[in-house]
C-alpha cells in the first residue's frame, strides 16, 4: 500500500474503542504528537497503521517531532508518512512498523 486512499482510517470514536480510552485522551495523544490525524471528508481520522497492539506506534512520536522541526505541516507530514519514499523503498509508516526507526528518522532529517 502506498497512499492515503489505500489506507484504513479510524474516526475518533473508533479510536476510543480500539485504544480503550476516553475521547479526551485521544485528543491529548494527538496534541502531544503521539498520533497524527487528518480531515477526510470533513471528519478527523487517524490511519489505522499508526496503532499497534492497541497502542499508538511508539516510534511515531519522535518521527512526527523531527518532521515538525523540519517545518512540515501536519498534512505534509501525513503525506510523507503514507506515500512511498524512494530512499526507503516503502512508505515511512511501513518502515517504522518494520522496525526501521533510525533509517526513517535519518531520511526525515535530511528533508530539511
PDB file of N, CA and C in Angstrom:
ATOM      1  N   UNK A   1       0.847  -1.184   0.000  1.00  0.00           N
ATOM      2  CA  UNK A   1       0.000   0.000   0.000  1.00  0.00           C
ATOM      3  C   UNK A   1       0.885   1.237   0.000  1.00  0.00           C
ATOM      4  N   UNK A   2       0.523   2.170  -0.839  1.00  0.00           N
ATOM      5  CA  UNK A   2       1.426   3.291  -0.992  1.00  0.00           C
ATOM      6  C   UNK A   2       0.797   4.668  -0.859  1.00  0.00           C
ATOM      7  N   UNK A   3      -0.496   4.771  -0.645  1.00  0.00           N
ATOM      8  CA  UNK A   3      -1.006   6.125  -0.499  1.00  0.00           C
ATOM      9  C   UNK A   3      -2.198   6.206   0.442  1.00  0.00           C
ATOM     10  N   UNK A   4      -2.603   7.440   0.686  1.00  0.00           N
ATOM     11  CA  UNK A   4      -3.683   7.711   1.646  1.00  0.00           C
ATOM     12  C   UNK A   4      -4.949   6.927   1.340  1.00  0.00           C
ATOM     13  N   UNK A   5      -5.335   6.889   0.083  1.00  0.00           N
ATOM     14  CA  UNK A   5      -6.608   6.282  -0.288  1.00  0.00           C
ATOM     15  C   UNK A   5      -6.654   4.785  -0.002  1.00  0.00           C
ATOM     16  N   UNK A   6      -5.498   4.139  -0.022  1.00  0.00           N
ATOM     17  CA  UNK A   6      -5.451   2.697   0.197  1.00  0.00           C
ATOM     18  C   UNK A   6      -5.349   2.315   1.670  1.00  0.00           C
ATOM     19  N   UNK A   7      -5.227   3.276   2.524  1.00  0.00           N
ATOM     20  CA  UNK A   7      -5.081   3.030   3.964  1.00  0.00           C
ATOM     21  C   UNK A   7      -6.438   2.914   4.645  1.00  0.00           C
ATOM     22  N   UNK A   8      -6.453   2.221   5.769  1.00  0.00           N
ATOM     23  CA  UNK A   8      -7.643   2.171   6.619  1.00  0.00           C
ATOM     24  C   UNK A   8      -7.541   3.330   7.601  1.00  0.00           C
ATOM     25  N   UNK A   9      -8.641   4.087   7.735  1.00  0.00           N
ATOM     26  CA  UNK A   9      -8.677   5.256   8.610  1.00  0.00           C
ATOM     27  C   UNK A   9      -9.677   5.020   9.719  1.00  0.00           C
ATOM     28  N   UNK A  10      -9.348   5.514  10.909  1.00  0.00           N
ATOM     29  CA  UNK A  10     -10.220   5.391  12.077  1.00  0.00           C
ATOM     30  C   UNK A  10     -10.709   6.768  12.500  1.00  0.00           C
ATOM     31  N   UNK A  11     -11.988   6.868  12.821  1.00  0.00           N
ATOM     32  CA  UNK A  11     -12.526   8.107  13.381  1.00  0.00           C
ATOM     33  C   UNK A  11     -12.139   8.149  14.861  1.00  0.00           C
ATOM     34  N   UNK A  12     -12.326   9.296  15.490  1.00  0.00           N
ATOM     35  CA  UNK A  12     -12.021   9.407  16.919  1.00  0.00           C
ATOM     36  C   UNK A  12     -12.847   8.407  17.729  1.00  0.00           C
ATOM     37  N   UNK A  13     -14.172   8.277  17.498  1.00  0.00           N
ATOM     38  CA  UNK A  13     -14.927   7.271  18.261  1.00  0.00           C
ATOM     39  C   UNK A  13     -14.406   5.840  18.051  1.00  0.00           C
ATOM     40  N   UNK A  14     -13.987   5.522  16.829  1.00  0.00           N
ATOM     41  CA  UNK A  14     -13.419   4.191  16.575  1.00  0.00           C
ATOM     42  C   UNK A  14     -12.104   4.021  17.316  1.00  0.00           C
ATOM     43  N   UNK A  15     -11.302   5.080  17.352  1.00  0.00           N
ATOM     44  CA  UNK A  15     -10.019   5.036  18.050  1.00  0.00           C
ATOM     45  C   UNK A  15     -10.218   4.880  19.553  1.00  0.00           C
ATOM     46  N   UNK A  16     -11.246   5.550  20.091  1.00  0.00           N
ATOM     47  CA  UNK A  16     -11.584   5.399  21.512  1.00  0.00           C
ATOM     48  C   UNK A  16     -11.815   3.918  21.822  1.00  0.00           C
ATOM     49  N   UNK A  17     -12.540   3.253  20.949  1.00  0.00           N
ATOM     50  CA  UNK A  17     -12.833   1.831  21.147  1.00  0.00           C
ATOM     51  C   UNK A  17     -11.574   0.972  21.015  1.00  0.00           C
ATOM     52  N   UNK A  18     -10.771   1.237  19.990  1.00  0.00           N
ATOM     53  CA  UNK A  18      -9.549   0.449  19.750  1.00  0.00           C
ATOM     54  C   UNK A  18      -8.551   0.606  20.899  1.00  0.00           C
ATOM     55  N   UNK A  19      -8.378   1.846  21.367  1.00  0.00           N
ATOM     56  CA  UNK A  19      -7.397   2.120  22.421  1.00  0.00           C
ATOM     57  C   UNK A  19      -7.953   1.876  23.826  1.00  0.00           C
ATOM     58  N   UNK A  20      -9.276   1.849  23.942  1.00  0.00           N
ATOM     59  CA  UNK A  20      -9.881   1.654  25.257  1.00  0.00           C
ATOM     60  C   UNK A  20      -9.675   2.837  26.184  1.00  0.00           C
ATOM     61  N   UNK A  21      -9.684   4.047  25.603  1.00  0.00           N
ATOM     62  CA  UNK A  21      -9.507   5.276  26.384  1.00  0.00           C
ATOM     63  C   UNK A  21     -10.640   6.240  26.038  1.00  0.00           C
ATOM     64  N   UNK A  22     -10.719   7.345  26.768  1.00  0.00           N
ATOM     65  CA  UNK A  22     -11.743   8.342  26.507  1.00  0.00           C
ATOM     66  C   UNK A  22     -11.375   9.271  25.364  1.00  0.00           C
ATOM     67  N   UNK A  23     -12.356  10.022  24.911  1.00  0.00           N
ATOM     68  CA  UNK A  23     -12.149  10.984  23.828  1.00  0.00           C
ATOM     69  C   UNK A  23     -11.074  12.002  24.206  1.00  0.00           C
ATOM     70  N   UNK A  24     -11.085  12.458  25.457  1.00  0.00           N
ATOM     71  CA  UNK A  24     -10.089  13.425  25.914  1.00  0.00           C
ATOM     72  C   UNK A  24      -8.676  12.886  25.777  1.00  0.00           C
ATOM     73  N   UNK A  25      -8.491  11.624  26.095  1.00  0.00           N
ATOM     74  CA  UNK A  25      -7.165  11.002  25.983  1.00  0.00           C
ATOM     75  C   UNK A  25      -6.732  10.924  24.524  1.00  0.00           C
ATOM     76  N   UNK A  26      -7.657  10.610  23.619  1.00  0.00           N
ATOM     77  CA  UNK A  26      -7.330  10.561  22.193  1.00  0.00           C
ATOM     78  C   UNK A  26      -6.881  11.946  21.725  1.00  0.00           C
ATOM     79  N   UNK A  27      -7.595  12.983  22.135  1.00  0.00           N
ATOM     80  CA  UNK A  27      -7.211  14.342  21.747  1.00  0.00           C
ATOM     81  C   UNK A  27      -5.849  14.721  22.323  1.00  0.00           C
ATOM     82  N   UNK A  28      -5.552  14.274  23.533  1.00  0.00           N
ATOM     83  CA  UNK A  28      -4.232  14.524  24.136  1.00  0.00           C
ATOM     84  C   UNK A  28      -3.137  13.808  23.347  1.00  0.00           C
ATOM     85  N   UNK A  29      -3.408  12.581  22.920  1.00  0.00           N
ATOM     86  CA  UNK A  29      -2.427  11.842  22.115  1.00  0.00           C
ATOM     87  C   UNK A  29      -2.138  12.586  20.809  1.00  0.00           C
ATOM     88  N   UNK A  30      -3.172  13.198  20.231  1.00  0.00           N
ATOM     89  CA  UNK A  30      -2.980  13.993  19.018  1.00  0.00           C
ATOM     90  C   UNK A  30      -2.204  15.273  19.323  1.00  0.00           C
ATOM     91  N   UNK A  31      -2.575  15.974  20.383  1.00  0.00           N
ATOM     92  CA  UNK A  31      -1.898  17.224  20.759  1.00  0.00           C
ATOM     93  C   UNK A  31      -0.427  16.989  21.098  1.00  0.00           C
ATOM     94  N   UNK A  32      -0.143  15.873  21.766  1.00  0.00           N
ATOM     95  CA  UNK A  32       1.224  15.563  22.194  1.00  0.00           C
ATOM     96  C   UNK A  32       2.042  14.863  21.115  1.00  0.00           C
ATOM     97  N   UNK A  33       1.462  14.737  19.920  1.00  0.00           N
ATOM     98  CA  UNK A  33       2.124  14.153  18.748  1.00  0.00           C
ATOM     99  C   UNK A  33       2.445  12.670  18.895  1.00  0.00           C
ATOM    100  N   UNK A  34       1.687  11.968  19.712  1.00  0.00           N
ATOM    101  CA  UNK A  34       1.807  10.509  19.744  1.00  0.00           C
ATOM    102  C   UNK A  34       1.056   9.924  18.551  1.00  0.00           C
ATOM    103  N   UNK A  35       0.093  10.699  18.053  1.00  0.00           N
ATOM    104  CA  UNK A  35      -0.694  10.343  16.877  1.00  0.00           C
ATOM    105  C   UNK A  35      -0.842  11.574  16.000  1.00  0.00           C
ATOM    106  N   UNK A  36      -1.188  11.335  14.749  1.00  0.00           N
ATOM    107  CA  UNK A  36      -1.439  12.421  13.815  1.00  0.00           C
ATOM    108  C   UNK A  36      -2.736  12.109  13.090  1.00  0.00           C
ATOM    109  N   UNK A  37      -3.582  13.103  12.989  1.00  0.00           N
ATOM    110  CA  UNK A  37      -4.844  12.920  12.291  1.00  0.00           C
ATOM    111  C   UNK A  37      -4.948  13.866  11.112  1.00  0.00           C
ATOM    112  N   UNK A  38      -5.925  13.589  10.263  1.00  0.00           N
ATOM    113  CA  UNK A  38      -6.187  14.431   9.103  1.00  0.00           C
ATOM    114  C   UNK A  38      -7.686  14.456   8.858  1.00  0.00           C
ATOM    115  N   UNK A  39      -8.147  15.523   8.248  1.00  0.00           N
ATOM    116  CA  UNK A  39      -9.555  15.620   7.873  1.00  0.00           C
ATOM    117  C   UNK A  39      -9.761  14.823   6.585  1.00  0.00           C
ATOM    118  N   UNK A  40     -10.656  13.857   6.649  1.00  0.00           N
ATOM    119  CA  UNK A  40     -11.034  13.064   5.486  1.00  0.00           C
ATOM    120  C   UNK A  40     -12.530  13.267   5.318  1.00  0.00           C
ATOM    121  N   UNK A  41     -12.906  13.896   4.222  1.00  0.00           N
ATOM    122  CA  UNK A  41     -14.312  14.246   4.000  1.00  0.00           C
ATOM    123  C   UNK A  41     -14.878  15.020   5.187  1.00  0.00           C
ATOM    124  N   UNK A  42     -14.062  15.912   5.752  1.00  0.00           N
ATOM    125  CA  UNK A  42     -14.505  16.768   6.845  1.00  0.00           C
ATOM    126  C   UNK A  42     -14.478  16.137   8.227  1.00  0.00           C
ATOM    127  N   UNK A  43     -14.091  14.868   8.309  1.00  0.00           N
ATOM    128  CA  UNK A  43     -14.082  14.153   9.580  1.00  0.00           C
ATOM    129  C   UNK A  43     -12.632  13.872   9.981  1.00  0.00           C
ATOM    130  N   UNK A  44     -12.287  14.163  11.242  1.00  0.00           N
ATOM    131  CA  UNK A  44     -10.944  13.878  11.730  1.00  0.00           C
ATOM    132  C   UNK A  44     -10.746  12.374  11.805  1.00  0.00           C
ATOM    133  N   UNK A  45      -9.708  11.894  11.118  1.00  0.00           N
ATOM    134  CA  UNK A  45      -9.413  10.459  11.097  1.00  0.00           C
ATOM    135  C   UNK A  45      -7.921  10.233  11.283  1.00  0.00           C
ATOM    136  N   UNK A  46      -7.599   9.052  11.787  1.00  0.00           N
ATOM    137  CA  UNK A  46      -6.227   8.658  12.066  1.00  0.00           C
ATOM    138  C   UNK A  46      -5.977   7.344  11.334  1.00  0.00           C
ATOM    139  N   UNK A  47      -4.853   7.225  10.625  1.00  0.00           N
ATOM    140  CA  UNK A  47      -4.573   5.954   9.945  1.00  0.00           C
ATOM    141  C   UNK A  47      -4.460   4.800  10.953  1.00  0.00           C
ATOM    142  N   UNK A  48      -5.096   3.695  10.636  1.00  0.00           N
ATOM    143  CA  UNK A  48      -5.026   2.509  11.495  1.00  0.00           C
ATOM    144  C   UNK A  48      -3.586   2.021  11.620  1.00  0.00           C
ATOM    145  N   UNK A  49      -2.758   2.329  10.620  1.00  0.00           N
ATOM    146  CA  UNK A  49      -1.347   1.920  10.662  1.00  0.00           C
ATOM    147  C   UNK A  49      -0.582   2.564  11.806  1.00  0.00           C
ATOM    148  N   UNK A  50      -1.125   3.626  12.384  1.00  0.00           N
ATOM    149  CA  UNK A  50      -0.458   4.305  13.493  1.00  0.00           C
ATOM    150  C   UNK A  50      -0.683   3.587  14.820  1.00  0.00           C
ATOM    151  N   UNK A  51      -1.498   2.528  14.821  1.00  0.00           N
ATOM    152  CA  UNK A  51      -1.821   1.770  16.028  1.00  0.00           C
ATOM    153  C   UNK A  51      -1.243   0.365  15.910  1.00  0.00           C
ATOM    154  N   UNK A  52      -0.561  -0.075  16.959  1.00  0.00           N
ATOM    155  CA  UNK A  52      -0.012  -1.428  17.002  1.00  0.00           C
ATOM    156  C   UNK A  52      -0.372  -2.038  18.351  1.00  0.00           C
ATOM    157  N   UNK A  53      -1.002  -3.189  18.316  1.00  0.00           N
ATOM    158  CA  UNK A  53      -1.397  -3.899  19.536  1.00  0.00           C
ATOM    159  C   UNK A  53      -2.178  -3.007  20.501  1.00  0.00           C
ATOM    160  N   UNK A  54      -3.107  -2.233  19.958  1.00  0.00           N
ATOM    161  CA  UNK A  54      -3.971  -1.403  20.792  1.00  0.00           C
ATOM    162  C   UNK A  54      -3.306  -0.189  21.401  1.00  0.00           C
ATOM    163  N   UNK A  55      -2.149   0.203  20.874  1.00  0.00           N
ATOM    164  CA  UNK A  55      -1.412   1.377  21.369  1.00  0.00           C
ATOM    165  C   UNK A  55      -0.881   2.172  20.184  1.00  0.00           C
ATOM    166  N   UNK A  56      -0.676   3.491  20.374  1.00  0.00           N
ATOM    167  CA  UNK A  56      -0.017   4.253  19.304  1.00  0.00           C
ATOM    168  C   UNK A  56       1.382   3.688  19.055  1.00  0.00           C
ATOM    169  N   UNK A  57       1.776   3.604  17.793  1.00  0.00           N
ATOM    170  CA  UNK A  57       3.110   3.140  17.426  1.00  0.00           C
ATOM    171  C   UNK A  57       4.137   4.025  18.121  1.00  0.00           C
ATOM    172  N   UNK A  58       4.959   3.442  18.990  1.00  0.00           N
ATOM    173  CA  UNK A  58       5.857   4.243  19.830  1.00  0.00           C
ATOM    174  C   UNK A  58       6.872   5.040  19.012  1.00  0.00           C
ATOM    175  N   UNK A  59       7.285   4.531  17.869  1.00  0.00           N
ATOM    176  CA  UNK A  59       8.280   5.213  17.044  1.00  0.00           C
ATOM    177  C   UNK A  59       7.716   6.419  16.303  1.00  0.00           C
ATOM    178  N   UNK A  60       6.402   6.556  16.283  1.00  0.00           N
ATOM    179  CA  UNK A  60       5.773   7.622  15.515  1.00  0.00           C
ATOM    180  C   UNK A  60       6.047   9.004  16.094  1.00  0.00           C
ATOM    181  N   UNK A  61       5.984   9.147  17.411  1.00  0.00           N
ATOM    182  CA  UNK A  61       6.096  10.468  18.039  1.00  0.00           C
ATOM    183  C   UNK A  61       7.406  11.175  17.682  1.00  0.00           C
ATOM    184  N   UNK A  62       8.512  10.513  17.835  1.00  0.00           N
ATOM    185  CA  UNK A  62       9.801  11.130  17.527  1.00  0.00           C
ATOM    186  C   UNK A  62       9.912  11.519  16.064  1.00  0.00           C
ATOM    187  N   UNK A  63       9.354  10.688  15.202  1.00  0.00           N
ATOM    188  CA  UNK A  63       9.374  10.987  13.776  1.00  0.00           C
ATOM    189  C   UNK A  63       8.510  12.210  13.481  1.00  0.00           C
ATOM    190  N   UNK A  64       7.347  12.308  14.120  1.00  0.00           N
ATOM    191  CA  UNK A  64       6.490  13.487  13.935  1.00  0.00           C
ATOM    192  C   UNK A  64       7.182  14.754  14.421  1.00  0.00           C
ATOM    193  N   UNK A  65       7.926  14.643  15.507  1.00  0.00           N
ATOM    194  CA  UNK A  65       8.655  15.805  16.037  1.00  0.00           C
ATOM    195  C   UNK A  65       9.753  16.228  15.066  1.00  0.00           C
ATOM    196  N   UNK A  66      10.477  15.261  14.502  1.00  0.00           N
ATOM    197  CA  UNK A  66      11.513  15.583  13.506  1.00  0.00           C
ATOM    198  C   UNK A  66      10.891  16.299  12.312  1.00  0.00           C
ATOM    199  N   UNK A  67       9.769  15.785  11.827  1.00  0.00           N
ATOM    200  CA  UNK A  67       9.111  16.409  10.674  1.00  0.00           C
ATOM    201  C   UNK A  67       8.636  17.831  11.003  1.00  0.00           C
ATOM    202  N   UNK A  68       8.074  18.015  12.202  1.00  0.00           N
ATOM    203  CA  UNK A  68       7.635  19.359  12.614  1.00  0.00           C
ATOM    204  C   UNK A  68       8.836  20.298  12.707  1.00  0.00           C
ATOM    205  N   UNK A  69       9.945  19.806  13.254  1.00  0.00           N
ATOM    206  CA  UNK A  69      11.156  20.620  13.343  1.00  0.00           C
ATOM    207  C   UNK A  69      11.679  20.993  11.958  1.00  0.00           C
ATOM    208  N   UNK A  70      11.419  20.131  10.965  1.00  0.00           N
ATOM    209  CA  UNK A  70      11.823  20.396   9.582  1.00  0.00           C
ATOM    210  C   UNK A  70      10.873  21.377   8.890  1.00  0.00           C
ATOM    211  N   UNK A  71       9.808  21.794   9.607  1.00  0.00           N
ATOM    212  CA  UNK A  71       8.870  22.749   9.040  1.00  0.00           C
ATOM    213  C   UNK A  71       7.682  22.130   8.319  1.00  0.00           C
ATOM    214  N   UNK A  72       7.497  20.824   8.462  1.00  0.00           N
ATOM    215  CA  UNK A  72       6.370  20.151   7.830  1.00  0.00           C
ATOM    216  C   UNK A  72       5.069  20.504   8.545  1.00  0.00           C
ATOM    217  N   UNK A  73       4.029  20.802   7.777  1.00  0.00           N
ATOM    218  CA  UNK A  73       2.691  20.951   8.352  1.00  0.00           C
ATOM    219  C   UNK A  73       2.181  19.544   8.666  1.00  0.00           C
ATOM    220  N   UNK A  74       1.093  19.453   9.413  1.00  0.00           N
ATOM    221  CA  UNK A  74       0.520  18.129   9.709  1.00  0.00           C
ATOM    222  C   UNK A  74       0.135  17.397   8.428  1.00  0.00           C
ATOM    223  N   UNK A  75      -0.455  18.120   7.476  1.00  0.00           N
ATOM    224  CA  UNK A  75      -0.841  17.477   6.214  1.00  0.00           C
ATOM    225  C   UNK A  75       0.377  16.994   5.440  1.00  0.00           C
ATOM    226  N   UNK A  76       1.431  17.797   5.417  1.00  0.00           N
ATOM    227  CA  UNK A  76       2.658  17.387   4.725  1.00  0.00           C
ATOM    228  C   UNK A  76       3.286  16.172   5.412  1.00  0.00           C
ATOM    229  N   UNK A  77       3.278  16.172   6.746  1.00  0.00           N
ATOM    230  CA  UNK A  77       3.826  15.036   7.487  1.00  0.00           C
ATOM    231  C   UNK A  77       3.013  13.775   7.197  1.00  0.00           C
ATOM    232  N   UNK A  78       1.688  13.915   7.167  1.00  0.00           N
ATOM    233  CA  UNK A  78       0.831  12.765   6.876  1.00  0.00           C
ATOM    234  C   UNK A  78       1.140  12.213   5.489  1.00  0.00           C
ATOM    235  N   UNK A  79       1.218  13.110   4.507  1.00  0.00           N
ATOM    236  CA  UNK A  79       1.529  12.658   3.147  1.00  0.00           C
ATOM    237  C   UNK A  79       2.865  11.929   3.117  1.00  0.00           C
ATOM    238  N   UNK A  80       3.876  12.499   3.755  1.00  0.00           N
ATOM    239  CA  UNK A  80       5.204  11.878   3.738  1.00  0.00           C
ATOM    240  C   UNK A  80       5.177  10.500   4.391  1.00  0.00           C
ATOM    241  N   UNK A  81       4.489  10.382   5.505  1.00  0.00           N
ATOM    242  CA  UNK A  81       4.432   9.099   6.211  1.00  0.00           C
ATOM    243  C   UNK A  81       3.730   8.011   5.402  1.00  0.00           C
ATOM    244  N   UNK A  82       2.729   8.393   4.619  1.00  0.00           N
ATOM    245  CA  UNK A  82       1.895   7.396   3.947  1.00  0.00           C
ATOM    246  C   UNK A  82       2.273   7.116   2.498  1.00  0.00           C
ATOM    247  N   UNK A  83       3.050   7.990   1.889  1.00  0.00           N
ATOM    248  CA  UNK A  83       3.448   7.793   0.498  1.00  0.00           C
ATOM    249  C   UNK A  83       4.791   7.071   0.437  1.00  0.00           C
ATOM    250  N   UNK A  84       5.001   6.315  -0.622  1.00  0.00           N
ATOM    251  CA  UNK A  84       6.277   5.606  -0.785  1.00  0.00           C
ATOM    252  C   UNK A  84       7.419   6.610  -0.855  1.00  0.00           C
ATOM    253  N   UNK A  85       8.432   6.384  -0.060  1.00  0.00           N
ATOM    254  CA  UNK A  85       9.644   7.208  -0.043  1.00  0.00           C
ATOM    255  C   UNK A  85      10.715   6.391  -0.762  1.00  0.00           C
ATOM    256  N   UNK A  86      11.175   6.888  -1.902  1.00  0.00           N
ATOM    257  CA  UNK A  86      12.110   6.122  -2.730  1.00  0.00           C
ATOM    258  C   UNK A  86      13.339   5.659  -1.966  1.00  0.00           C
ATOM    259  N   UNK A  87      13.899   6.523  -1.128  1.00  0.00           N
ATOM    260  CA  UNK A  87      15.129   6.156  -0.411  1.00  0.00           C
ATOM    261  C   UNK A  87      14.897   5.033   0.607  1.00  0.00           C
ATOM    262  N   UNK A  88      13.646   4.825   1.011  1.00  0.00           N
ATOM    263  CA  UNK A  88      13.320   3.739   1.943  1.00  0.00           C
ATOM    264  C   UNK A  88      12.785   2.506   1.214  1.00  0.00           C
ATOM    265  N   UNK A  89      12.307   2.719  -0.002  1.00  0.00           N
ATOM    266  CA  UNK A  89      11.700   1.629  -0.744  1.00  0.00           C
ATOM    267  C   UNK A  89      10.340   1.228  -0.185  1.00  0.00           C
ATOM    268  N   UNK A  90       9.770   2.094   0.626  1.00  0.00           N
ATOM    269  CA  UNK A  90       8.473   1.825   1.263  1.00  0.00           C
ATOM    270  C   UNK A  90       7.937   3.140   1.801  1.00  0.00           C
ATOM    271  N   UNK A  91       6.685   3.129   2.208  1.00  0.00           N
ATOM    272  CA  UNK A  91       6.153   4.293   2.912  1.00  0.00           C
ATOM    273  C   UNK A  91       6.826   4.353   4.277  1.00  0.00           C
ATOM    274  N   UNK A  92       7.178   5.542   4.752  1.00  0.00           N
ATOM    275  CA  UNK A  92       7.834   5.640   6.059  1.00  0.00           C
ATOM    276  C   UNK A  92       7.069   4.953   7.189  1.00  0.00           C
ATOM    277  N   UNK A  93       5.741   5.022   7.196  1.00  0.00           N
ATOM    278  CA  UNK A  93       4.997   4.357   8.270  1.00  0.00           C
ATOM    279  C   UNK A  93       5.205   2.845   8.212  1.00  0.00           C
ATOM    280  N   UNK A  94       5.291   2.301   7.009  1.00  0.00           N
ATOM    281  CA  UNK A  94       5.528   0.863   6.882  1.00  0.00           C
ATOM    282  C   UNK A  94       6.942   0.502   7.352  1.00  0.00           C
ATOM    283  N   UNK A  95       7.894   1.384   7.048  1.00  0.00           N
ATOM    284  CA  UNK A  95       9.268   1.156   7.519  1.00  0.00           C
ATOM    285  C   UNK A  95       9.333   1.247   9.045  1.00  0.00           C
ATOM    286  N   UNK A  96       8.621   2.213   9.630  1.00  0.00           N
ATOM    287  CA  UNK A  96       8.586   2.315  11.096  1.00  0.00           C
ATOM    288  C   UNK A  96       8.002   1.047  11.710  1.00  0.00           C
ATOM    289  N   UNK A  97       6.912   0.563  11.131  1.00  0.00           N
ATOM    290  CA  UNK A  97       6.262  -0.648  11.648  1.00  0.00           C
ATOM    291  C   UNK A  97       7.172  -1.872  11.502  1.00  0.00           C
ATOM    292  N   UNK A  98       8.124  -1.800  10.556  1.00  0.00           N
ATOM    293  CA  UNK A  98       9.057  -2.911  10.333  1.00  0.00           C
ATOM    294  C   UNK A  98      10.316  -2.776  11.186  1.00  0.00           C
ATOM    295  N   UNK A  99      10.348  -1.766  12.081  1.00  0.00           N
ATOM    296  CA  UNK A  99      11.486  -1.623  12.982  1.00  0.00           C
ATOM    297  C   UNK A  99      12.634  -0.816  12.420  1.00  0.00           C
ATOM    298  N   UNK A 100      12.391  -0.014  11.401  1.00  0.00           N
ATOM    299  CA  UNK A 100      13.454   0.756  10.752  1.00  0.00           C
ATOM    300  C   UNK A 100      13.443   2.222  11.198  1.00  0.00           C
ATOM    301  N   UNK A 101      13.248   2.447  12.494  1.00  0.00           N
ATOM    302  CA  UNK A 101      13.113   3.798  13.041  1.00  0.00           C
ATOM    303  C   UNK A 101      14.306   4.696  12.718  1.00  0.00           C
ATOM    304  N   UNK A 102      15.510   4.235  12.962  1.00  0.00           N
ATOM    305  CA  UNK A 102      16.696   5.072  12.752  1.00  0.00           C
ATOM    306  C   UNK A 102      16.804   5.497  11.289  1.00  0.00           C
ATOM    307  N   UNK A 103      16.551   4.579  10.386  1.00  0.00           N
ATOM    308  CA  UNK A 103      16.633   4.870   8.960  1.00  0.00           C
ATOM    309  C   UNK A 103      15.564   5.898   8.552  1.00  0.00           C
ATOM    310  N   UNK A 104      14.343   5.726   9.048  1.00  0.00           N
ATOM    311  CA  UNK A 104      13.256   6.656   8.739  1.00  0.00           C
ATOM    312  C   UNK A 104      13.601   8.050   9.258  1.00  0.00           C
ATOM    313  N   UNK A 105      14.104   8.141  10.464  1.00  0.00           N
ATOM    314  CA  UNK A 105      14.426   9.457  11.038  1.00  0.00           C
ATOM    315  C   UNK A 105      15.607  10.110  10.316  1.00  0.00           C
ATOM    316  N   UNK A 106      16.558   9.314   9.883  1.00  0.00           N
ATOM    317  CA  UNK A 106      17.682   9.854   9.109  1.00  0.00           C
ATOM    318  C   UNK A 106      17.172  10.499   7.817  1.00  0.00           C
ATOM    319  N   UNK A 107      16.276   9.798   7.137  1.00  0.00           N
ATOM    320  CA  UNK A 107      15.693  10.328   5.898  1.00  0.00           C
ATOM    321  C   UNK A 107      14.876  11.586   6.207  1.00  0.00           C
ATOM    322  N   UNK A 108      14.086  11.552   7.278  1.00  0.00           N
ATOM    323  CA  UNK A 108      13.259  12.700   7.663  1.00  0.00           C
ATOM    324  C   UNK A 108      14.131  13.916   7.954  1.00  0.00           C
ATOM    325  N   UNK A 109      15.233  13.719   8.662  1.00  0.00           N
ATOM    326  CA  UNK A 109      16.121  14.836   8.992  1.00  0.00           C
ATOM    327  C   UNK A 109      16.768  15.429   7.746  1.00  0.00           C
ATOM    328  N   UNK A 110      17.022  14.592   6.746  1.00  0.00           N
ATOM    329  CA  UNK A 110      17.665  15.059   5.510  1.00  0.00           C
ATOM    330  C   UNK A 110      16.689  15.884   4.650  1.00  0.00           C
ATOM    331  N   UNK A 111      15.409  15.876   4.980  1.00  0.00           N
ATOM    332  CA  UNK A 111      14.417  16.617   4.198  1.00  0.00           C
ATOM    333  C   UNK A 111      14.465  18.113   4.458  1.00  0.00           C
ATOM    334  N   UNK A 112      15.047  18.508   5.573  1.00  0.00           N
ATOM    335  CA  UNK A 112      15.040  19.935   5.964  1.00  0.00           C
ATOM    336  C   UNK A 112      15.827  20.783   4.992  1.00  0.00           C
TER     337      UNK A 112
END
